[in-house]
């Protein structure tokens, strides 16, 4: 069993061992991690599998600009354009002086036996019902507001996808670089052990054990590289670009919780208001549109019974008794309205849960980061002592490998928690509806 009590002052005869093996053991120290803004190209990092999804850092690209570029190619862009066109069409209809298309009629009748000819010309113009035009104006206004709100809500949704994809790459990159660093450590460890085996200082079994650990680390490296490639592919699929911002960390929003100004809530409320305006506009139609009618009758003929006169007629057609036919349409719109109200209530619950989780994850990762950094410092100190003990033959290789593995896990965990804390700030901003 490995124990710290086994670390003792080495005998003078072991100084030669220090001189021979200590330089090699110093190579076991992990390489410093690159900053987040470093080049993410696979060419720089090297690769285990002949599959490359390149990603390049663009220092001029900001997070808001990236979201704008993603919005331009996002599938919902055509739908948002159609909403704007619909709002414009409703506005144009509400400005019309008539409630619909006018109709013109022409007629001619000839009675040969009496040598009489009748010609008629008529026009029908649909009239706005009382309050109907105001209802149409209200509908047009709500349709425009709803289109704008939907665009903002889609932008928030796109921001969430971009945020998630960026931090997914950041975490995958940390794990990939750590796996690469560990692979290098175990390669150098194997080389050191092989030299000691050749000198007869270690048994052949230790070399095989070191090779086994190296192969395991190579497998971890390959899997980590694959996950990095997958995260890059997901990012390019969402954003339709292979460039990432140089800096995309976010400051924590000052909002303590989501409110009625949350873009998703504003969007669904605007849809409800629009549907209510549509319902009012349909009710204003009543039994149907009234029509103003004007016509001209001309009587021409050679018979003595012909009056040889022209008549001008004016009238109004008023529909009635059509409520039974309008009710199904009203009921259908009312179903859509109540469905939106139910969606709003469900959205409230979803946003409340998302806010609680984001806030809790933020608090947990703050505490975990402090613990992880402390654990990393302790593990690194223990590893240095273990390496020294192994160099003078005070512990077995298996003990060194255990401490090495635990130390690398502590290093990776600390790196992951640092990235997760920055990611959780972005996710908290997403939960309260803050758009970069």
Protein backbone atom coordinates (compact mmCIF):
# COMPACT_ATOMS: atom_id res chain seq x y z
CA UNK A 1 0.00 0.00 0.00
CA UNK A 2 1.35 3.39 -0.98
CA UNK A 3 1.94 5.76 1.94
CA UNK A 4 3.44 9.19 2.32
CA UNK A 5 5.48 7.78 5.22
CA UNK A 6 7.60 6.08 2.61
CA UNK A 7 8.97 9.42 1.44
CA UNK A 8 12.28 9.76 3.24
CA UNK A 9 15.52 11.50 2.62
CA UNK A 10 17.42 9.56 -0.06
CA UNK A 11 20.74 8.01 0.69
CA UNK A 12 23.85 9.63 -0.83
CA UNK A 13 24.26 6.62 -3.07
CA UNK A 14 21.02 7.50 -4.80
CA UNK A 15 22.16 10.92 -6.00
CA UNK A 16 23.27 9.34 -9.24
CA UNK A 17 19.72 8.15 -9.79
CA UNK A 18 18.45 11.71 -9.38
CA UNK A 19 20.92 12.95 -11.96
CA UNK A 20 20.05 10.22 -14.44
CA UNK A 21 16.26 10.11 -14.12
CA UNK A 22 15.07 13.42 -12.74
CA UNK A 23 15.30 15.26 -16.12
CA UNK A 24 13.09 12.62 -17.67
CA UNK A 25 10.57 12.85 -14.86
CA UNK A 26 10.37 16.59 -15.23
CA UNK A 27 8.96 15.90 -18.68
CA UNK A 28 5.91 14.44 -16.94
CA UNK A 29 4.67 17.92 -16.04
CA UNK A 30 1.57 18.79 -18.12
CA UNK A 31 1.91 21.43 -20.80
CA UNK A 32 0.16 24.73 -19.99
CA UNK A 33 -3.30 24.99 -21.52
CA UNK A 34 -3.80 27.46 -24.33
CA UNK A 35 -6.12 30.36 -23.85
CA UNK A 36 -9.64 30.21 -25.23
CA UNK A 37 -8.81 32.75 -27.91
CA UNK A 38 -6.07 30.54 -29.43
CA UNK A 39 -6.46 29.05 -32.88
CA UNK A 40 -8.83 26.11 -32.86
CA UNK A 41 -7.55 24.60 -36.09
CA UNK A 42 -6.88 20.87 -36.01
CA UNK A 43 -3.60 21.49 -37.85
CA UNK A 44 -2.15 23.13 -34.74
CA UNK A 45 -3.30 20.39 -32.37
CA UNK A 46 -2.62 17.38 -34.56
CA UNK A 47 -5.17 14.60 -35.06
CA UNK A 48 -5.53 10.86 -34.52
CA UNK A 49 -8.18 10.18 -37.17
CA UNK A 50 -8.12 11.36 -40.76
CA UNK A 51 -11.31 13.38 -40.39
CA UNK A 52 -11.25 17.15 -40.08
CA UNK A 53 -13.97 19.70 -39.34
CA UNK A 54 -11.94 22.92 -39.28
CA UNK A 55 -12.87 25.86 -37.08
CA UNK A 56 -11.02 29.18 -37.16
CA UNK A 57 -11.08 32.09 -34.74
CA UNK A 58 -12.13 35.41 -36.25
CA UNK A 59 -11.03 38.26 -34.00
CA UNK A 60 -13.41 40.66 -35.75
CA UNK A 61 -16.43 38.44 -35.15
CA UNK A 62 -18.48 39.25 -32.05
CA UNK A 63 -21.24 37.23 -30.45
CA UNK A 64 -24.03 39.67 -31.51
CA UNK A 65 -22.69 39.70 -35.07
CA UNK A 66 -22.54 35.91 -35.11
CA UNK A 67 -26.18 35.76 -34.02
CA UNK A 68 -27.13 38.21 -36.79
CA UNK A 69 -25.36 36.07 -39.39
CA UNK A 70 -27.05 32.95 -38.07
CA UNK A 71 -30.45 34.66 -38.17
CA UNK A 72 -30.01 35.47 -41.86
CA UNK A 73 -29.67 31.77 -42.73
CA UNK A 74 -31.96 30.38 -40.05
CA UNK A 75 -34.94 28.37 -41.41
CA UNK A 76 -37.47 30.65 -39.63
CA UNK A 77 -36.31 33.67 -41.65
CA UNK A 78 -38.83 33.02 -44.46
CA UNK A 79 -41.63 32.58 -41.91
CA UNK A 80 -40.78 35.92 -40.27
CA UNK A 81 -40.81 37.60 -43.67
CA UNK A 82 -44.25 36.10 -44.36
CA UNK A 83 -45.54 37.50 -41.04
CA UNK A 84 -44.39 40.97 -42.02
CA UNK A 85 -46.04 40.65 -45.42
CA UNK A 86 -49.28 39.47 -43.80
CA UNK A 87 -49.30 42.45 -41.42
CA UNK A 88 -48.76 44.82 -44.36
CA UNK A 89 -51.61 43.18 -46.30
CA UNK A 90 -54.02 43.53 -43.35
CA UNK A 91 -53.00 47.17 -42.94
CA UNK A 92 -53.67 47.82 -46.62
CA UNK A 93 -57.12 46.22 -46.33
CA UNK A 94 -58.01 48.31 -43.29
CA UNK A 95 -57.26 51.49 -45.27
CA UNK A 96 -59.70 50.61 -48.03
CA UNK A 97 -62.89 52.70 -48.29
CA UNK A 98 -64.92 49.61 -49.06
CA UNK A 99 -65.31 46.43 -47.04
CA UNK A 100 -64.56 44.22 -50.01
CA UNK A 101 -64.51 44.04 -53.78
CA UNK A 102 -67.24 45.99 -55.59
CA UNK A 103 -69.35 44.36 -58.29
CA UNK A 104 -70.68 45.69 -61.57
CA UNK A 105 -73.55 44.16 -63.56
CA UNK A 106 -74.69 44.67 -67.13
CA UNK A 107 -77.95 43.39 -68.66
CA UNK A 108 -79.86 43.55 -71.88
CA UNK A 109 -83.34 42.26 -72.70
CA UNK A 110 -85.14 42.35 -76.02
CA UNK A 111 -88.80 41.49 -76.62
CA UNK A 112 -89.09 41.09 -80.39
CA UNK A 113 -92.88 40.77 -80.59
CA UNK A 114 -93.35 44.11 -78.88
CA UNK A 115 -90.22 45.61 -80.34
CA UNK A 116 -89.03 46.58 -76.82
CA UNK A 117 -85.42 46.80 -75.63
CA UNK A 118 -84.29 47.07 -72.01
CA UNK A 119 -80.74 47.83 -70.89
CA UNK A 120 -79.58 47.73 -67.26
CA UNK A 121 -76.35 48.80 -65.54
CA UNK A 122 -75.77 48.25 -61.82
CA UNK A 123 -73.01 48.57 -59.21
CA UNK A 124 -72.77 46.94 -55.76
CA UNK A 125 -70.36 48.35 -53.18
CA UNK A 126 -69.77 46.48 -49.86
CA UNK A 127 -69.94 48.80 -46.86
CA UNK A 128 -68.09 48.61 -43.56
CA UNK A 129 -70.34 47.59 -40.71
CA UNK A 130 -70.47 49.74 -37.63
CA UNK A 131 -67.10 49.40 -35.84
CA UNK A 132 -65.76 46.92 -38.37
CA UNK A 133 -63.14 49.19 -39.89
CA UNK A 134 -61.79 50.13 -36.46
CA UNK A 135 -61.55 46.42 -35.68
CA UNK A 136 -59.57 45.92 -38.89
CA UNK A 137 -57.20 48.75 -37.94
CA UNK A 138 -56.68 47.11 -34.55
CA UNK A 139 -56.00 43.75 -36.18
CA UNK A 140 -53.45 45.29 -38.54
CA UNK A 141 -51.66 46.97 -35.63
CA UNK A 142 -51.58 43.76 -33.59
CA UNK A 143 -50.37 41.75 -36.57
CA UNK A 144 -47.43 44.12 -37.03
CA UNK A 145 -46.60 44.02 -33.31
CA UNK A 146 -46.81 40.24 -33.28
CA UNK A 147 -44.48 39.93 -36.28
CA UNK A 148 -41.89 42.11 -34.53
CA UNK A 149 -42.21 40.13 -31.29
CA UNK A 150 -41.86 36.83 -33.10
CA UNK A 151 -38.64 38.05 -34.71
CA UNK A 152 -37.19 38.95 -31.29
CA UNK A 153 -38.26 35.60 -29.83
CA UNK A 154 -36.63 33.74 -32.71
CA UNK A 155 -33.47 35.76 -32.18
CA UNK A 156 -33.42 34.69 -28.52
CA UNK A 157 -33.88 31.07 -29.58
CA UNK A 158 -31.03 31.39 -32.08
CA UNK A 159 -28.89 33.04 -29.39
CA UNK A 160 -29.50 30.00 -27.17
CA UNK A 161 -28.43 27.61 -29.93
CA UNK A 162 -25.30 29.63 -30.66
CA UNK A 163 -24.42 29.94 -26.98
CA UNK A 164 -24.83 26.23 -26.43
CA UNK A 165 -22.79 25.32 -29.52
CA UNK A 166 -19.92 27.66 -28.62
CA UNK A 167 -19.58 26.37 -25.07
CA UNK A 168 -19.97 22.79 -26.21
CA UNK A 169 -16.92 23.31 -28.42
CA UNK A 170 -15.06 25.00 -25.56
CA UNK A 171 -15.65 22.03 -23.25
CA UNK A 172 -14.77 19.51 -25.96
CA UNK A 173 -11.59 21.45 -26.71
CA UNK A 174 -10.56 21.43 -23.04
CA UNK A 175 -11.05 17.66 -22.86
CA UNK A 176 -9.23 17.15 -26.15
CA UNK A 177 -6.22 19.22 -25.10
CA UNK A 178 -6.10 17.50 -21.71
CA UNK A 179 -6.22 14.08 -23.40
CA UNK A 180 -3.41 15.20 -25.70
CA UNK A 181 -1.35 16.45 -22.76
CA UNK A 182 -1.85 13.18 -20.90
CA UNK A 183 -0.86 11.24 -24.00
CA UNK A 184 2.38 13.20 -24.16
CA UNK A 185 3.01 12.63 -20.43
CA UNK A 186 2.61 8.87 -20.73
CA UNK A 187 4.75 8.77 -23.87
CA UNK A 188 7.57 10.47 -21.99
CA UNK A 189 6.96 8.23 -18.97
CA UNK A 190 7.24 5.13 -21.15
CA UNK A 191 10.49 6.41 -22.64
CA UNK A 192 11.90 6.97 -19.13
CA UNK A 193 10.83 3.52 -17.97
CA UNK A 194 12.28 1.88 -21.06
CA UNK A 195 15.65 3.49 -20.30
CA UNK A 196 15.49 2.22 -16.73
CA UNK A 197 14.54 -1.27 -17.93
CA UNK A 198 17.55 -1.25 -20.24
CA UNK A 199 19.74 -0.27 -17.29
CA UNK A 200 18.24 -3.07 -15.23
CA UNK A 201 16.71 -0.68 -12.70
CA UNK A 202 13.12 -1.75 -13.41
CA UNK A 203 11.55 -5.07 -14.41
CA UNK A 204 10.13 -5.74 -17.84
CA UNK A 205 6.64 -5.87 -16.32
CA UNK A 206 6.79 -2.14 -15.58
CA UNK A 207 7.45 -1.41 -19.24
CA UNK A 208 4.43 -3.47 -20.26
CA UNK A 209 2.32 -1.72 -17.64
CA UNK A 210 3.42 1.68 -18.95
CA UNK A 211 2.63 0.61 -22.52
CA UNK A 212 -0.83 -0.53 -21.44
CA UNK A 213 -1.51 2.85 -19.82
CA UNK A 214 -0.23 4.64 -22.92
CA UNK A 215 -2.60 2.68 -25.17
CA UNK A 216 -5.49 3.53 -22.86
CA UNK A 217 -4.62 7.22 -23.03
CA UNK A 218 -4.35 6.99 -26.80
CA UNK A 219 -7.89 5.61 -26.90
CA UNK A 220 -9.14 8.44 -24.67
CA UNK A 221 -7.41 10.93 -26.97
CA UNK A 222 -9.09 9.46 -30.04
CA UNK A 223 -12.54 9.62 -28.44
CA UNK A 224 -11.93 13.19 -27.24
CA UNK A 225 -10.92 14.19 -30.76
CA UNK A 226 -14.10 12.62 -32.16
CA UNK A 227 -16.25 14.56 -29.66
CA UNK A 228 -14.47 17.77 -30.64
CA UNK A 229 -15.21 17.09 -34.30
CA UNK A 230 -18.87 16.37 -33.47
CA UNK A 231 -19.21 19.63 -31.54
CA UNK A 232 -17.65 21.56 -34.42
CA UNK A 233 -20.03 19.96 -36.90
CA UNK A 234 -23.02 20.86 -34.75
CA UNK A 235 -21.77 24.44 -34.54
CA UNK A 236 -21.33 24.79 -38.31
CA UNK A 237 -24.73 23.19 -38.87
CA UNK A 238 -26.39 25.78 -36.64
CA UNK A 239 -24.45 28.87 -37.71
CA UNK A 240 -23.58 27.91 -41.29
CA UNK A 241 -20.05 29.21 -40.74
CA UNK A 242 -16.76 27.72 -39.58
CA UNK A 243 -15.62 30.88 -37.81
CA UNK A 244 -15.97 31.54 -34.09
CA UNK A 245 -15.59 34.78 -32.14
CA UNK A 246 -12.28 35.38 -30.42
CA UNK A 247 -14.10 36.34 -27.24
CA UNK A 248 -17.64 35.34 -26.32
CA UNK A 249 -17.70 35.35 -22.54
CA UNK A 250 -20.68 37.23 -21.11
CA UNK A 251 -21.20 39.34 -18.03
CA UNK A 252 -23.90 38.05 -15.75
CA UNK A 253 -27.22 39.82 -16.32
CA UNK A 254 -28.42 42.13 -13.59
CA UNK A 255 -31.89 40.56 -13.77
CA UNK A 256 -32.65 38.33 -10.79
CA UNK A 257 -35.48 36.49 -12.51
CA UNK A 258 -37.40 36.40 -15.75
CA UNK A 259 -40.28 38.85 -16.13
CA UNK A 260 -43.08 39.80 -18.47
CA UNK A 261 -40.51 41.44 -20.74
CA UNK A 262 -38.98 38.05 -21.52
CA UNK A 263 -39.02 37.85 -25.37
CA UNK A 264 -40.74 34.46 -25.37
CA UNK A 265 -43.54 35.77 -23.16
CA UNK A 266 -43.84 38.98 -25.16
CA UNK A 267 -44.13 36.91 -28.33
CA UNK A 268 -46.90 34.64 -27.05
CA UNK A 269 -48.77 37.59 -25.52
CA UNK A 270 -48.61 39.41 -28.85
CA UNK A 271 -50.00 36.31 -30.57
CA UNK A 272 -52.86 36.25 -28.07
CA UNK A 273 -53.60 39.93 -28.64
CA UNK A 274 -53.51 39.40 -32.39
CA UNK A 275 -55.89 36.44 -32.20
CA UNK A 276 -58.25 38.43 -29.97
CA UNK A 277 -58.21 41.28 -32.50
CA UNK A 278 -58.94 38.78 -35.26
CA UNK A 279 -61.85 37.42 -33.26
CA UNK A 280 -63.27 40.94 -32.77
CA UNK A 281 -62.90 41.67 -36.49
CA UNK A 282 -64.86 38.53 -37.38
CA UNK A 283 -67.62 39.38 -34.90
CA UNK A 284 -67.86 42.87 -36.42
CA UNK A 285 -68.86 41.32 -39.74
CA UNK A 286 -72.04 40.05 -38.11
CA UNK A 287 -74.39 38.35 -40.54
CA UNK A 288 -72.41 39.67 -43.49
CA UNK A 289 -71.54 42.85 -45.33
CA UNK A 290 -74.17 45.44 -46.25
CA UNK A 291 -74.07 46.64 -49.85
CA UNK A 292 -74.93 49.94 -51.49
CA UNK A 293 -76.65 49.32 -54.85
CA UNK A 294 -77.00 51.78 -57.73
CA UNK A 295 -78.47 50.96 -61.13
CA UNK A 296 -79.68 52.44 -64.42
CA UNK A 297 -82.58 51.08 -66.49
CA UNK A 298 -83.06 52.24 -70.07
CA UNK A 299 -86.28 51.53 -72.00
CA UNK A 300 -85.98 51.99 -75.74
CA UNK A 301 -88.41 50.87 -78.46
CA UNK A 302 -90.63 51.83 -81.38
CA UNK A 303 -93.84 50.40 -79.99
CA UNK A 304 -96.43 52.83 -78.64
CA UNK A 305 -96.18 51.09 -75.25
CA UNK A 306 -92.56 52.11 -74.80
CA UNK A 307 -92.01 54.97 -72.35
CA UNK A 308 -88.71 55.95 -73.97
CA UNK A 309 -87.37 56.65 -70.44
CA UNK A 310 -84.35 56.00 -68.23
CA UNK A 311 -84.60 55.10 -64.55
CA UNK A 312 -81.89 55.47 -61.87
CA UNK A 313 -82.19 53.24 -58.81
CA UNK A 314 -80.36 53.46 -55.47
CA UNK A 315 -80.69 51.03 -52.58
CA UNK A 316 -79.01 49.21 -49.70
CA UNK A 317 -78.88 45.45 -49.11
CA UNK A 318 -78.70 44.57 -45.41
CA UNK A 319 -78.06 40.91 -44.47
CA UNK A 320 -79.72 39.39 -41.44
CA UNK A 321 -80.19 36.06 -39.73
CA UNK A 322 -76.68 34.81 -40.61
CA UNK A 323 -75.25 34.43 -37.11
CA UNK A 324 -75.58 30.64 -37.27
CA UNK A 325 -73.26 30.60 -40.27
CA UNK A 326 -70.70 32.94 -38.64
CA UNK A 327 -70.49 31.03 -35.35
CA UNK A 328 -68.35 28.12 -36.62
CA UNK A 329 -65.73 30.57 -37.86
CA UNK A 330 -65.81 32.45 -34.58
CA UNK A 331 -65.57 29.21 -32.63
CA UNK A 332 -62.54 28.06 -34.67
CA UNK A 333 -60.65 31.28 -33.95
CA UNK A 334 -61.66 31.05 -30.30
CA UNK A 335 -60.14 27.55 -30.13
CA UNK A 336 -56.84 28.94 -31.47
CA UNK A 337 -57.01 31.78 -28.94
CA UNK A 338 -57.47 29.46 -25.97
CA UNK A 339 -54.72 27.18 -27.23
CA UNK A 340 -52.34 30.16 -27.18
CA UNK A 341 -53.46 31.02 -23.64
CA UNK A 342 -52.69 27.45 -22.56
CA UNK A 343 -49.27 27.65 -24.24
CA UNK A 344 -48.56 30.85 -22.33
CA UNK A 345 -49.30 29.17 -19.02
CA UNK A 346 -47.05 26.26 -19.94
CA UNK A 347 -44.35 28.71 -21.00
CA UNK A 348 -44.51 30.37 -17.58
CA UNK A 349 -43.75 27.03 -15.95
CA UNK A 350 -40.97 26.22 -18.40
CA UNK A 351 -39.28 29.59 -17.91
CA UNK A 352 -39.58 29.32 -14.14
CA UNK A 353 -37.92 25.90 -14.18
CA UNK A 354 -35.19 27.03 -16.59
CA UNK A 355 -34.44 30.08 -14.42
CA UNK A 356 -34.21 27.98 -11.26
CA UNK A 357 -31.88 25.46 -12.91
CA UNK A 358 -29.65 28.17 -14.39
CA UNK A 359 -29.41 29.99 -11.07
CA UNK A 360 -28.71 26.79 -9.14
CA UNK A 361 -26.08 25.56 -11.63
CA UNK A 362 -24.34 28.91 -11.40
CA UNK A 363 -24.15 28.72 -7.61
CA UNK A 364 -22.98 25.09 -7.64
CA UNK A 365 -20.25 25.69 -10.21
CA UNK A 366 -18.90 28.68 -8.29
CA UNK A 367 -18.40 26.48 -5.24
CA UNK A 368 -17.15 23.54 -7.29
CA UNK A 369 -14.56 25.69 -9.07
CA UNK A 370 -12.98 26.72 -5.77
CA UNK A 371 -12.92 23.09 -4.62
CA UNK A 372 -11.54 21.91 -7.97
CA UNK A 373 -8.71 24.44 -7.93
CA UNK A 374 -7.77 23.45 -4.38
CA UNK A 375 -7.89 19.77 -5.30
CA UNK A 376 -5.73 20.47 -8.35
CA UNK A 377 -3.07 22.21 -6.25
CA UNK A 378 -2.97 19.37 -3.71
CA UNK A 379 -2.84 16.71 -6.43
CA UNK A 380 0.00 18.44 -8.27
CA UNK A 381 2.03 18.71 -5.08
CA UNK A 382 1.42 15.04 -4.31
CA UNK A 383 2.40 14.10 -7.86
CA UNK A 384 5.72 15.94 -7.55
CA UNK A 385 6.48 14.03 -4.36
CA UNK A 386 5.44 10.74 -5.97
CA UNK A 387 7.63 11.32 -9.02
CA UNK A 388 10.60 12.01 -6.79
CA UNK A 389 9.92 8.87 -4.75
CA UNK A 390 9.63 6.77 -7.89
CA UNK A 391 12.91 8.13 -9.23
CA UNK A 392 14.75 6.80 -6.16
CA UNK A 393 12.91 3.50 -6.11
CA UNK A 394 10.81 4.10 -3.02
CA UNK A 395 7.46 3.32 -4.69
CA UNK A 396 6.28 1.05 -7.44
CA UNK A 397 5.22 2.15 -10.90
CA UNK A 398 1.61 1.21 -10.20
CA UNK A 399 1.50 3.75 -7.36
CA UNK A 400 2.93 6.43 -9.62
CA UNK A 401 0.36 5.68 -12.32
CA UNK A 402 -2.49 5.93 -9.82
CA UNK A 403 -1.32 9.31 -8.54
CA UNK A 404 -0.65 10.49 -12.09
CA UNK A 405 -4.17 9.51 -13.17
CA UNK A 406 -5.80 11.21 -10.18
CA UNK A 407 -3.77 14.36 -10.76
CA UNK A 408 -4.70 14.58 -14.42
CA UNK A 409 -8.35 14.06 -13.51
CA UNK A 410 -8.09 16.90 -10.99
CA UNK A 411 -6.47 19.15 -13.60
CA UNK A 412 -9.17 18.36 -16.15
CA UNK A 413 -11.94 18.85 -13.60
CA UNK A 414 -10.61 22.30 -12.67
CA UNK A 415 -10.41 23.31 -16.32
CA UNK A 416 -13.91 22.02 -16.99
CA UNK A 417 -15.37 23.89 -14.02
CA UNK A 418 -13.77 27.15 -15.15
CA UNK A 419 -15.37 26.77 -18.58
CA UNK A 420 -18.68 25.62 -17.10
CA UNK A 421 -18.86 28.71 -14.90
CA UNK A 422 -18.54 30.96 -17.96
CA UNK A 423 -21.03 28.79 -19.82
CA UNK A 424 -23.51 28.98 -16.94
CA UNK A 425 -23.36 32.77 -17.04
CA UNK A 426 -24.41 32.65 -20.67
CA UNK A 427 -27.15 30.11 -19.90
CA UNK A 428 -28.43 32.26 -17.04
CA UNK A 429 -28.64 35.23 -19.39
CA UNK A 430 -30.52 33.00 -21.82
CA UNK A 431 -32.95 31.93 -19.10
CA UNK A 432 -33.86 35.51 -18.15
CA UNK A 433 -34.20 36.51 -21.81
CA UNK A 434 -31.08 38.60 -22.37
CA UNK A 435 -30.01 38.71 -26.03
CA UNK A 436 -26.36 39.62 -26.82
